[in-house]
Amino acid sequence: MQEIPEKGFKFINEINQICNNTKPFLEKFPENTDDNYGYYPLERPLMKYLNYGIIILDKPPGPTSHEVVAWVKKLLNIDKAGHGGTLELYS
């Protein structure tokens, strides 16, 4: 079996540690990949996350969802941002 590249599975190993997973990772069909396509998760540039990612935000009580979206856009200096789901907590 082909040696698993340490660089490629660093992210998986860190998740396993967080989840206390003790089962070893098994690669059934080893494949060669081209580093020119995509990124390893821990090496992905911040701008790729901003352009194609999701930010999970715990909105505090008080400001509206629209206000929080405006703050995020201003803080990150981006043109497009939005929200999804229910952001208000009622108890």
PDB file of N, CA and C in Angstrom:
ATOM      1  N   MET A   1       0.846  -1.192   0.000  1.00  0.00           N
ATOM      2  CA  MET A   1       0.000   0.000   0.000  1.00  0.00           C
ATOM      3  C   MET A   1       0.883   1.245   0.000  1.00  0.00           C
ATOM      4  N   GLN A   2       0.475   2.260  -0.732  1.00  0.00           N
ATOM      5  CA  GLN A   2       1.223   3.507  -0.847  1.00  0.00           C
ATOM      6  C   GLN A   2       1.250   4.242   0.485  1.00  0.00           C
ATOM      7  N   GLU A   3       2.358   4.892   0.769  1.00  0.00           N
ATOM      8  CA  GLU A   3       2.499   5.685   1.990  1.00  0.00           C
ATOM      9  C   GLU A   3       1.558   6.888   1.930  1.00  0.00           C
ATOM     10  N   ILE A   4       0.808   7.140   3.003  1.00  0.00           N
ATOM     11  CA  ILE A   4      -0.103   8.284   3.054  1.00  0.00           C
ATOM     12  C   ILE A   4       0.729   9.540   3.293  1.00  0.00           C
ATOM     13  N   PRO A   5       0.602  10.549   2.421  1.00  0.00           N
ATOM     14  CA  PRO A   5       1.404  11.765   2.614  1.00  0.00           C
ATOM     15  C   PRO A   5       0.985  12.488   3.888  1.00  0.00           C
ATOM     16  N   GLU A   6       1.943  12.739   4.763  1.00  0.00           N
ATOM     17  CA  GLU A   6       1.660  13.406   6.044  1.00  0.00           C
ATOM     18  C   GLU A   6       1.006  14.760   5.827  1.00  0.00           C
ATOM     19  N   LYS A   7       1.476  15.484   4.830  1.00  0.00           N
ATOM     20  CA  LYS A   7       0.952  16.816   4.533  1.00  0.00           C
ATOM     21  C   LYS A   7      -0.539  16.755   4.198  1.00  0.00           C
ATOM     22  N   GLY A   8      -0.949  15.749   3.458  1.00  0.00           N
ATOM     23  CA  GLY A   8      -2.328  15.661   3.009  1.00  0.00           C
ATOM     24  C   GLY A   8      -3.318  15.268   4.084  1.00  0.00           C
ATOM     25  N   PHE A   9      -2.853  14.582   5.109  1.00  0.00           N
ATOM     26  CA  PHE A   9      -3.784  14.093   6.122  1.00  0.00           C
ATOM     27  C   PHE A   9      -3.604  14.761   7.479  1.00  0.00           C
ATOM     28  N   LYS A  10      -2.854  15.854   7.509  1.00  0.00           N
ATOM     29  CA  LYS A  10      -2.673  16.589   8.763  1.00  0.00           C
ATOM     30  C   LYS A  10      -4.025  17.062   9.298  1.00  0.00           C
ATOM     31  N   PHE A  11      -4.872  17.551   8.408  1.00  0.00           N
ATOM     32  CA  PHE A  11      -6.201  18.036   8.800  1.00  0.00           C
ATOM     33  C   PHE A  11      -7.031  16.907   9.403  1.00  0.00           C
ATOM     34  N   ILE A  12      -7.027  15.750   8.741  1.00  0.00           N
ATOM     35  CA  ILE A  12      -7.794  14.602   9.235  1.00  0.00           C
ATOM     36  C   ILE A  12      -7.267  14.166  10.595  1.00  0.00           C
ATOM     37  N   ASN A  13      -5.953  14.150  10.755  1.00  0.00           N
ATOM     38  CA  ASN A  13      -5.367  13.757  12.031  1.00  0.00           C
ATOM     39  C   ASN A  13      -5.768  14.715  13.146  1.00  0.00           C
ATOM     40  N   GLU A  14      -5.818  16.010  12.848  1.00  0.00           N
ATOM     41  CA  GLU A  14      -6.224  16.981  13.870  1.00  0.00           C
ATOM     42  C   GLU A  14      -7.694  16.802  14.247  1.00  0.00           C
ATOM     43  N   ILE A  15      -8.547  16.545  13.256  1.00  0.00           N
ATOM     44  CA  ILE A  15      -9.968  16.297  13.551  1.00  0.00           C
ATOM     45  C   ILE A  15     -10.116  15.042  14.399  1.00  0.00           C
ATOM     46  N   ASN A  16      -9.363  13.996  14.069  1.00  0.00           N
ATOM     47  CA  ASN A  16      -9.406  12.764  14.856  1.00  0.00           C
ATOM     48  C   ASN A  16      -9.017  13.018  16.305  1.00  0.00           C
ATOM     49  N   GLN A  17      -8.029  13.865  16.540  1.00  0.00           N
ATOM     50  CA  GLN A  17      -7.620  14.187  17.906  1.00  0.00           C
ATOM     51  C   GLN A  17      -8.730  14.928  18.641  1.00  0.00           C
ATOM     52  N   ILE A  18      -9.368  15.872  17.970  1.00  0.00           N
ATOM     53  CA  ILE A  18     -10.458  16.631  18.594  1.00  0.00           C
ATOM     54  C   ILE A  18     -11.608  15.697  18.968  1.00  0.00           C
ATOM     55  N   CYS A  19     -11.894  14.724  18.094  1.00  0.00           N
ATOM     56  CA  CYS A  19     -13.018  13.809  18.304  1.00  0.00           C
ATOM     57  C   CYS A  19     -12.631  12.573  19.116  1.00  0.00           C
ATOM     58  N   ASN A  20     -11.380  12.513  19.564  1.00  0.00           N
ATOM     59  CA  ASN A  20     -10.880  11.347  20.300  1.00  0.00           C
ATOM     60  C   ASN A  20     -11.051  10.060  19.517  1.00  0.00           C
ATOM     61  N   ASN A  21     -10.860  10.115  18.211  1.00  0.00           N
ATOM     62  CA  ASN A  21     -10.948   8.926  17.365  1.00  0.00           C
ATOM     63  C   ASN A  21      -9.635   8.165  17.456  1.00  0.00           C
ATOM     64  N   THR A  22      -9.704   6.898  17.843  1.00  0.00           N
ATOM     65  CA  THR A  22      -8.492   6.091  17.978  1.00  0.00           C
ATOM     66  C   THR A  22      -8.332   5.102  16.835  1.00  0.00           C
ATOM     67  N   LYS A  23      -9.330   5.021  15.949  1.00  0.00           N
ATOM     68  CA  LYS A  23      -9.234   4.095  14.819  1.00  0.00           C
ATOM     69  C   LYS A  23      -8.289   4.669  13.771  1.00  0.00           C
ATOM     70  N   PRO A  24      -7.395   3.836  13.232  1.00  0.00           N
ATOM     71  CA  PRO A  24      -6.469   4.348  12.219  1.00  0.00           C
ATOM     72  C   PRO A  24      -7.189   4.660  10.913  1.00  0.00           C
ATOM     73  N   PHE A  25      -6.670   5.623  10.186  1.00  0.00           N
ATOM     74  CA  PHE A  25      -7.223   5.995   8.891  1.00  0.00           C
ATOM     75  C   PHE A  25      -6.742   4.990   7.856  1.00  0.00           C
ATOM     76  N   LEU A  26      -7.645   4.438   7.081  1.00  0.00           N
ATOM     77  CA  LEU A  26      -7.312   3.446   6.073  1.00  0.00           C
ATOM     78  C   LEU A  26      -7.602   4.004   4.691  1.00  0.00           C
ATOM     79  N   GLU A  27      -6.599   3.997   3.847  1.00  0.00           N
ATOM     80  CA  GLU A  27      -6.770   4.458   2.472  1.00  0.00           C
ATOM     81  C   GLU A  27      -6.900   3.214   1.598  1.00  0.00           C
ATOM     82  N   LYS A  28      -8.096   2.956   1.067  1.00  0.00           N
ATOM     83  CA  LYS A  28      -8.336   1.748   0.286  1.00  0.00           C
ATOM     84  C   LYS A  28      -7.740   1.819  -1.115  1.00  0.00           C
ATOM     85  N   PHE A  29      -7.875   2.952  -1.754  1.00  0.00           N
ATOM     86  CA  PHE A  29      -7.415   3.092  -3.127  1.00  0.00           C
ATOM     87  C   PHE A  29      -6.493   4.305  -3.223  1.00  0.00           C
ATOM     88  N   PRO A  30      -5.203   4.109  -3.029  1.00  0.00           N
ATOM     89  CA  PRO A  30      -4.296   5.257  -3.091  1.00  0.00           C
ATOM     90  C   PRO A  30      -4.280   5.871  -4.487  1.00  0.00           C
ATOM     91  N   GLU A  31      -4.323   7.174  -4.529  1.00  0.00           N
ATOM     92  CA  GLU A  31      -4.321   7.903  -5.795  1.00  0.00           C
ATOM     93  C   GLU A  31      -3.288   9.010  -5.723  1.00  0.00           C
ATOM     94  N   ASN A  32      -2.637   9.257  -6.819  1.00  0.00           N
ATOM     95  CA  ASN A  32      -1.750  10.406  -6.906  1.00  0.00           C
ATOM     96  C   ASN A  32      -2.595  11.620  -7.226  1.00  0.00           C
ATOM     97  N   THR A  33      -2.267  12.735  -6.609  1.00  0.00           N
ATOM     98  CA  THR A  33      -2.994  13.970  -6.874  1.00  0.00           C
ATOM     99  C   THR A  33      -2.014  15.033  -7.342  1.00  0.00           C
ATOM    100  N   ASP A  34      -2.544  16.023  -8.021  1.00  0.00           N
ATOM    101  CA  ASP A  34      -1.733  17.114  -8.541  1.00  0.00           C
ATOM    102  C   ASP A  34      -1.956  18.337  -7.657  1.00  0.00           C
ATOM    103  N   ASP A  35      -0.895  18.826  -7.026  1.00  0.00           N
ATOM    104  CA  ASP A  35      -1.010  19.984  -6.138  1.00  0.00           C
ATOM    105  C   ASP A  35      -1.423  21.259  -6.856  1.00  0.00           C
ATOM    106  N   ASN A  36      -1.435  21.253  -8.185  1.00  0.00           N
ATOM    107  CA  ASN A  36      -1.874  22.434  -8.938  1.00  0.00           C
ATOM    108  C   ASN A  36      -3.394  22.599  -8.887  1.00  0.00           C
ATOM    109  N   TYR A  37      -4.106  21.611  -8.391  1.00  0.00           N
ATOM    110  CA  TYR A  37      -5.570  21.660  -8.341  1.00  0.00           C
ATOM    111  C   TYR A  37      -6.013  21.588  -6.892  1.00  0.00           C
ATOM    112  N   GLY A  38      -6.512  22.673  -6.382  1.00  0.00           N
ATOM    113  CA  GLY A  38      -7.016  22.692  -5.025  1.00  0.00           C
ATOM    114  C   GLY A  38      -5.936  22.920  -3.989  1.00  0.00           C
ATOM    115  N   TYR A  39      -6.340  22.824  -2.717  1.00  0.00           N
ATOM    116  CA  TYR A  39      -5.444  23.086  -1.592  1.00  0.00           C
ATOM    117  C   TYR A  39      -5.684  22.048  -0.509  1.00  0.00           C
ATOM    118  N   TYR A  40      -4.649  21.772   0.272  1.00  0.00           N
ATOM    119  CA  TYR A  40      -4.844  21.024   1.501  1.00  0.00           C
ATOM    120  C   TYR A  40      -5.573  21.966   2.454  1.00  0.00           C
ATOM    121  N   PRO A  41      -6.506  21.455   3.276  1.00  0.00           N
ATOM    122  CA  PRO A  41      -7.333  22.350   4.092  1.00  0.00           C
ATOM    123  C   PRO A  41      -6.553  23.349   4.948  1.00  0.00           C
ATOM    124  N   LEU A  42      -5.462  22.920   5.559  1.00  0.00           N
ATOM    125  CA  LEU A  42      -4.724  23.828   6.434  1.00  0.00           C
ATOM    126  C   LEU A  42      -3.811  24.772   5.674  1.00  0.00           C
ATOM    127  N   GLU A  43      -3.706  24.623   4.365  1.00  0.00           N
ATOM    128  CA  GLU A  43      -2.868  25.498   3.551  1.00  0.00           C
ATOM    129  C   GLU A  43      -3.681  26.384   2.612  1.00  0.00           C
ATOM    130  N   ARG A  44      -5.009  26.301   2.692  1.00  0.00           N
ATOM    131  CA  ARG A  44      -5.872  27.089   1.814  1.00  0.00           C
ATOM    132  C   ARG A  44      -5.747  28.565   2.164  1.00  0.00           C
ATOM    133  N   PRO A  45      -5.509  29.432   1.183  1.00  0.00           N
ATOM    134  CA  PRO A  45      -5.380  30.869   1.469  1.00  0.00           C
ATOM    135  C   PRO A  45      -6.681  31.454   2.024  1.00  0.00           C
ATOM    136  N   LEU A  46      -6.535  32.448   2.884  1.00  0.00           N
ATOM    137  CA  LEU A  46      -7.684  33.088   3.510  1.00  0.00           C
ATOM    138  C   LEU A  46      -8.672  33.610   2.479  1.00  0.00           C
ATOM    139  N   MET A  47      -8.190  34.176   1.386  1.00  0.00           N
ATOM    140  CA  MET A  47      -9.090  34.733   0.376  1.00  0.00           C
ATOM    141  C   MET A  47      -9.970  33.658  -0.258  1.00  0.00           C
ATOM    142  N   LYS A  48      -9.493  32.421  -0.345  1.00  0.00           N
ATOM    143  CA  LYS A  48     -10.327  31.339  -0.873  1.00  0.00           C
ATOM    144  C   LYS A  48     -11.477  31.061   0.087  1.00  0.00           C
ATOM    145  N   TYR A  49     -11.192  31.091   1.396  1.00  0.00           N
ATOM    146  CA  TYR A  49     -12.266  30.913   2.372  1.00  0.00           C
ATOM    147  C   TYR A  49     -13.278  32.054   2.278  1.00  0.00           C
ATOM    148  N   LEU A  50     -12.781  33.276   2.119  1.00  0.00           N
ATOM    149  CA  LEU A  50     -13.686  34.426   2.049  1.00  0.00           C
ATOM    150  C   LEU A  50     -14.521  34.401   0.775  1.00  0.00           C
ATOM    151  N   ASN A  51     -13.927  33.981  -0.338  1.00  0.00           N
ATOM    152  CA  ASN A  51     -14.654  33.977  -1.604  1.00  0.00           C
ATOM    153  C   ASN A  51     -15.612  32.802  -1.733  1.00  0.00           C
ATOM    154  N   TYR A  52     -15.291  31.673  -1.130  1.00  0.00           N
ATOM    155  CA  TYR A  52     -16.081  30.464  -1.351  1.00  0.00           C
ATOM    156  C   TYR A  52     -16.535  29.788  -0.063  1.00  0.00           C
ATOM    157  N   GLY A  53     -16.333  30.418   1.062  1.00  0.00           N
ATOM    158  CA  GLY A  53     -16.590  29.748   2.330  1.00  0.00           C
ATOM    159  C   GLY A  53     -17.779  30.286   3.090  1.00  0.00           C
ATOM    160  N   ILE A  54     -17.928  29.747   4.266  1.00  0.00           N
ATOM    161  CA  ILE A  54     -19.011  30.115   5.177  1.00  0.00           C
ATOM    162  C   ILE A  54     -18.383  30.530   6.501  1.00  0.00           C
ATOM    163  N   ILE A  55     -18.877  31.617   7.066  1.00  0.00           N
ATOM    164  CA  ILE A  55     -18.438  32.051   8.390  1.00  0.00           C
ATOM    165  C   ILE A  55     -19.586  31.777   9.350  1.00  0.00           C
ATOM    166  N   ILE A  56     -19.310  30.990  10.367  1.00  0.00           N
ATOM    167  CA  ILE A  56     -20.328  30.710  11.375  1.00  0.00           C
ATOM    168  C   ILE A  56     -20.183  31.765  12.459  1.00  0.00           C
ATOM    169  N   LEU A  57     -21.261  32.497  12.687  1.00  0.00           N
ATOM    170  CA  LEU A  57     -21.217  33.630  13.591  1.00  0.00           C
ATOM    171  C   LEU A  57     -22.332  33.510  14.614  1.00  0.00           C
ATOM    172  N   ASP A  58     -22.001  33.680  15.870  1.00  0.00           N
ATOM    173  CA  ASP A  58     -23.001  33.686  16.940  1.00  0.00           C
ATOM    174  C   ASP A  58     -23.418  35.132  17.150  1.00  0.00           C
ATOM    175  N   LYS A  59     -24.544  35.522  16.523  1.00  0.00           N
ATOM    176  CA  LYS A  59     -25.006  36.912  16.580  1.00  0.00           C
ATOM    177  C   LYS A  59     -25.468  37.266  17.991  1.00  0.00           C
ATOM    178  N   PRO A  60     -24.934  38.345  18.531  1.00  0.00           N
ATOM    179  CA  PRO A  60     -25.378  38.753  19.863  1.00  0.00           C
ATOM    180  C   PRO A  60     -26.787  39.342  19.810  1.00  0.00           C
ATOM    181  N   PRO A  61     -27.491  39.348  20.938  1.00  0.00           N
ATOM    182  CA  PRO A  61     -28.799  39.999  20.954  1.00  0.00           C
ATOM    183  C   PRO A  61     -28.649  41.501  20.735  1.00  0.00           C
ATOM    184  N   GLY A  62     -29.611  42.080  20.090  1.00  0.00           N
ATOM    185  CA  GLY A  62     -29.585  43.528  19.882  1.00  0.00           C
ATOM    186  C   GLY A  62     -29.529  43.913  18.419  1.00  0.00           C
ATOM    187  N   PRO A  63     -28.355  43.775  17.779  1.00  0.00           N
ATOM    188  CA  PRO A  63     -28.282  44.200  16.382  1.00  0.00           C
ATOM    189  C   PRO A  63     -29.095  43.277  15.485  1.00  0.00           C
ATOM    190  N   THR A  64     -29.605  43.850  14.416  1.00  0.00           N
ATOM    191  CA  THR A  64     -30.362  43.030  13.468  1.00  0.00           C
ATOM    192  C   THR A  64     -29.395  42.206  12.622  1.00  0.00           C
ATOM    193  N   SER A  65     -29.930  41.187  11.966  1.00  0.00           N
ATOM    194  CA  SER A  65     -29.124  40.355  11.077  1.00  0.00           C
ATOM    195  C   SER A  65     -28.519  41.205   9.963  1.00  0.00           C
ATOM    196  N   HIS A  66     -29.302  42.167   9.469  1.00  0.00           N
ATOM    197  CA  HIS A  66     -28.826  43.051   8.408  1.00  0.00           C
ATOM    198  C   HIS A  66     -27.630  43.879   8.880  1.00  0.00           C
ATOM    199  N   GLU A  67     -27.690  44.362  10.119  1.00  0.00           N
ATOM    200  CA  GLU A  67     -26.578  45.141  10.671  1.00  0.00           C
ATOM    201  C   GLU A  67     -25.310  44.287  10.789  1.00  0.00           C
ATOM    202  N   VAL A  68     -25.456  43.053  11.255  1.00  0.00           N
ATOM    203  CA  VAL A  68     -24.307  42.169  11.419  1.00  0.00           C
ATOM    204  C   VAL A  68     -23.666  41.861  10.064  1.00  0.00           C
ATOM    205  N   VAL A  69     -24.484  41.625   9.046  1.00  0.00           N
ATOM    206  CA  VAL A  69     -23.954  41.391   7.694  1.00  0.00           C
ATOM    207  C   VAL A  69     -23.172  42.619   7.229  1.00  0.00           C
ATOM    208  N   ALA A  70     -23.691  43.806   7.485  1.00  0.00           N
ATOM    209  CA  ALA A  70     -22.994  45.038   7.097  1.00  0.00           C
ATOM    210  C   ALA A  70     -21.661  45.156   7.823  1.00  0.00           C
ATOM    211  N   TRP A  71     -21.617  44.804   9.098  1.00  0.00           N
ATOM    212  CA  TRP A  71     -20.363  44.856   9.860  1.00  0.00           C
ATOM    213  C   TRP A  71     -19.340  43.873   9.296  1.00  0.00           C
ATOM    214  N   VAL A  72     -19.780  42.658   8.973  1.00  0.00           N
ATOM    215  CA  VAL A  72     -18.881  41.641   8.418  1.00  0.00           C
ATOM    216  C   VAL A  72     -18.299  42.134   7.092  1.00  0.00           C
ATOM    217  N   LYS A  73     -19.151  42.687   6.241  1.00  0.00           N
ATOM    218  CA  LYS A  73     -18.673  43.200   4.953  1.00  0.00           C
ATOM    219  C   LYS A  73     -17.628  44.297   5.155  1.00  0.00           C
ATOM    220  N   LYS A  74     -17.874  45.173   6.099  1.00  0.00           N
ATOM    221  CA  LYS A  74     -16.939  46.273   6.350  1.00  0.00           C
ATOM    222  C   LYS A  74     -15.639  45.745   6.965  1.00  0.00           C
ATOM    223  N   LEU A  75     -15.727  44.853   7.954  1.00  0.00           N
ATOM    224  CA  LEU A  75     -14.529  44.323   8.615  1.00  0.00           C
ATOM    225  C   LEU A  75     -13.634  43.544   7.662  1.00  0.00           C
ATOM    226  N   LEU A  76     -14.243  42.766   6.764  1.00  0.00           N
ATOM    227  CA  LEU A  76     -13.474  41.928   5.850  1.00  0.00           C
ATOM    228  C   LEU A  76     -13.204  42.603   4.512  1.00  0.00           C
ATOM    229  N   ASN A  77     -13.741  43.812   4.341  1.00  0.00           N
ATOM    230  CA  ASN A  77     -13.558  44.572   3.104  1.00  0.00           C
ATOM    231  C   ASN A  77     -13.994  43.746   1.887  1.00  0.00           C
ATOM    232  N   ILE A  78     -15.226  43.234   1.959  1.00  0.00           N
ATOM    233  CA  ILE A  78     -15.781  42.436   0.863  1.00  0.00           C
ATOM    234  C   ILE A  78     -17.084  43.074   0.388  1.00  0.00           C
ATOM    235  N   ASP A  79     -17.460  42.754  -0.842  1.00  0.00           N
ATOM    236  CA  ASP A  79     -18.664  43.334  -1.434  1.00  0.00           C
ATOM    237  C   ASP A  79     -19.915  42.509  -1.191  1.00  0.00           C
ATOM    238  N   LYS A  80     -19.746  41.191  -1.079  1.00  0.00           N
ATOM    239  CA  LYS A  80     -20.912  40.317  -0.973  1.00  0.00           C
ATOM    240  C   LYS A  80     -20.866  39.512   0.315  1.00  0.00           C
ATOM    241  N   ALA A  81     -21.978  39.505   1.026  1.00  0.00           N
ATOM    242  CA  ALA A  81     -22.155  38.691   2.218  1.00  0.00           C
ATOM    243  C   ALA A  81     -23.651  38.574   2.448  1.00  0.00           C
ATOM    244  N   GLY A  82     -24.045  37.548   3.109  1.00  0.00           N
ATOM    245  CA  GLY A  82     -25.457  37.355   3.406  1.00  0.00           C
ATOM    246  C   GLY A  82     -25.600  36.465   4.612  1.00  0.00           C
ATOM    247  N   HIS A  83     -26.838  36.171   4.967  1.00  0.00           N
ATOM    248  CA  HIS A  83     -27.071  35.267   6.096  1.00  0.00           C
ATOM    249  C   HIS A  83     -28.149  34.272   5.706  1.00  0.00           C
ATOM    250  N   GLY A  84     -28.158  33.190   6.414  1.00  0.00           N
ATOM    251  CA  GLY A  84     -29.167  32.162   6.174  1.00  0.00           C
ATOM    252  C   GLY A  84     -29.663  31.611   7.485  1.00  0.00           C
ATOM    253  N   GLY A  85     -30.880  31.182   7.497  1.00  0.00           N
ATOM    254  CA  GLY A  85     -31.427  30.583   8.700  1.00  0.00           C
ATOM    255  C   GLY A  85     -31.950  31.635   9.657  1.00  0.00           C
ATOM    256  N   THR A  86     -32.388  31.166  10.784  1.00  0.00           N
ATOM    257  CA  THR A  86     -32.922  32.043  11.818  1.00  0.00           C
ATOM    258  C   THR A  86     -31.793  32.503  12.709  1.00  0.00           C
ATOM    259  N   LEU A  87     -31.623  33.791  12.811  1.00  0.00           N
ATOM    260  CA  LEU A  87     -30.532  34.325  13.610  1.00  0.00           C
ATOM    261  C   LEU A  87     -31.012  34.903  14.932  1.00  0.00           C
ATOM    262  N   GLU A  88     -32.296  34.910  15.168  1.00  0.00           N
ATOM    263  CA  GLU A  88     -32.837  35.453  16.400  1.00  0.00           C
ATOM    264  C   GLU A  88     -33.134  34.320  17.372  1.00  0.00           C
ATOM    265  N   LEU A  89     -32.816  34.527  18.637  1.00  0.00           N
ATOM    266  CA  LEU A  89     -33.077  33.535  19.674  1.00  0.00           C
ATOM    267  C   LEU A  89     -34.196  34.056  20.561  1.00  0.00           C
ATOM    268  N   TYR A  90     -35.247  33.287  20.655  1.00  0.00           N
ATOM    269  CA  TYR A  90     -36.366  33.663  21.517  1.00  0.00           C
ATOM    270  C   TYR A  90     -36.469  32.659  22.626  1.00  0.00           C
ATOM    271  N   SER A  91     -36.593  33.124  23.855  1.00  0.00           N
ATOM    272  CA  SER A  91     -36.749  32.191  24.977  1.00  0.00           C
ATOM    273  C   SER A  91     -37.940  32.540  25.820  1.00  0.00           C
TER     274      SER A  91
END
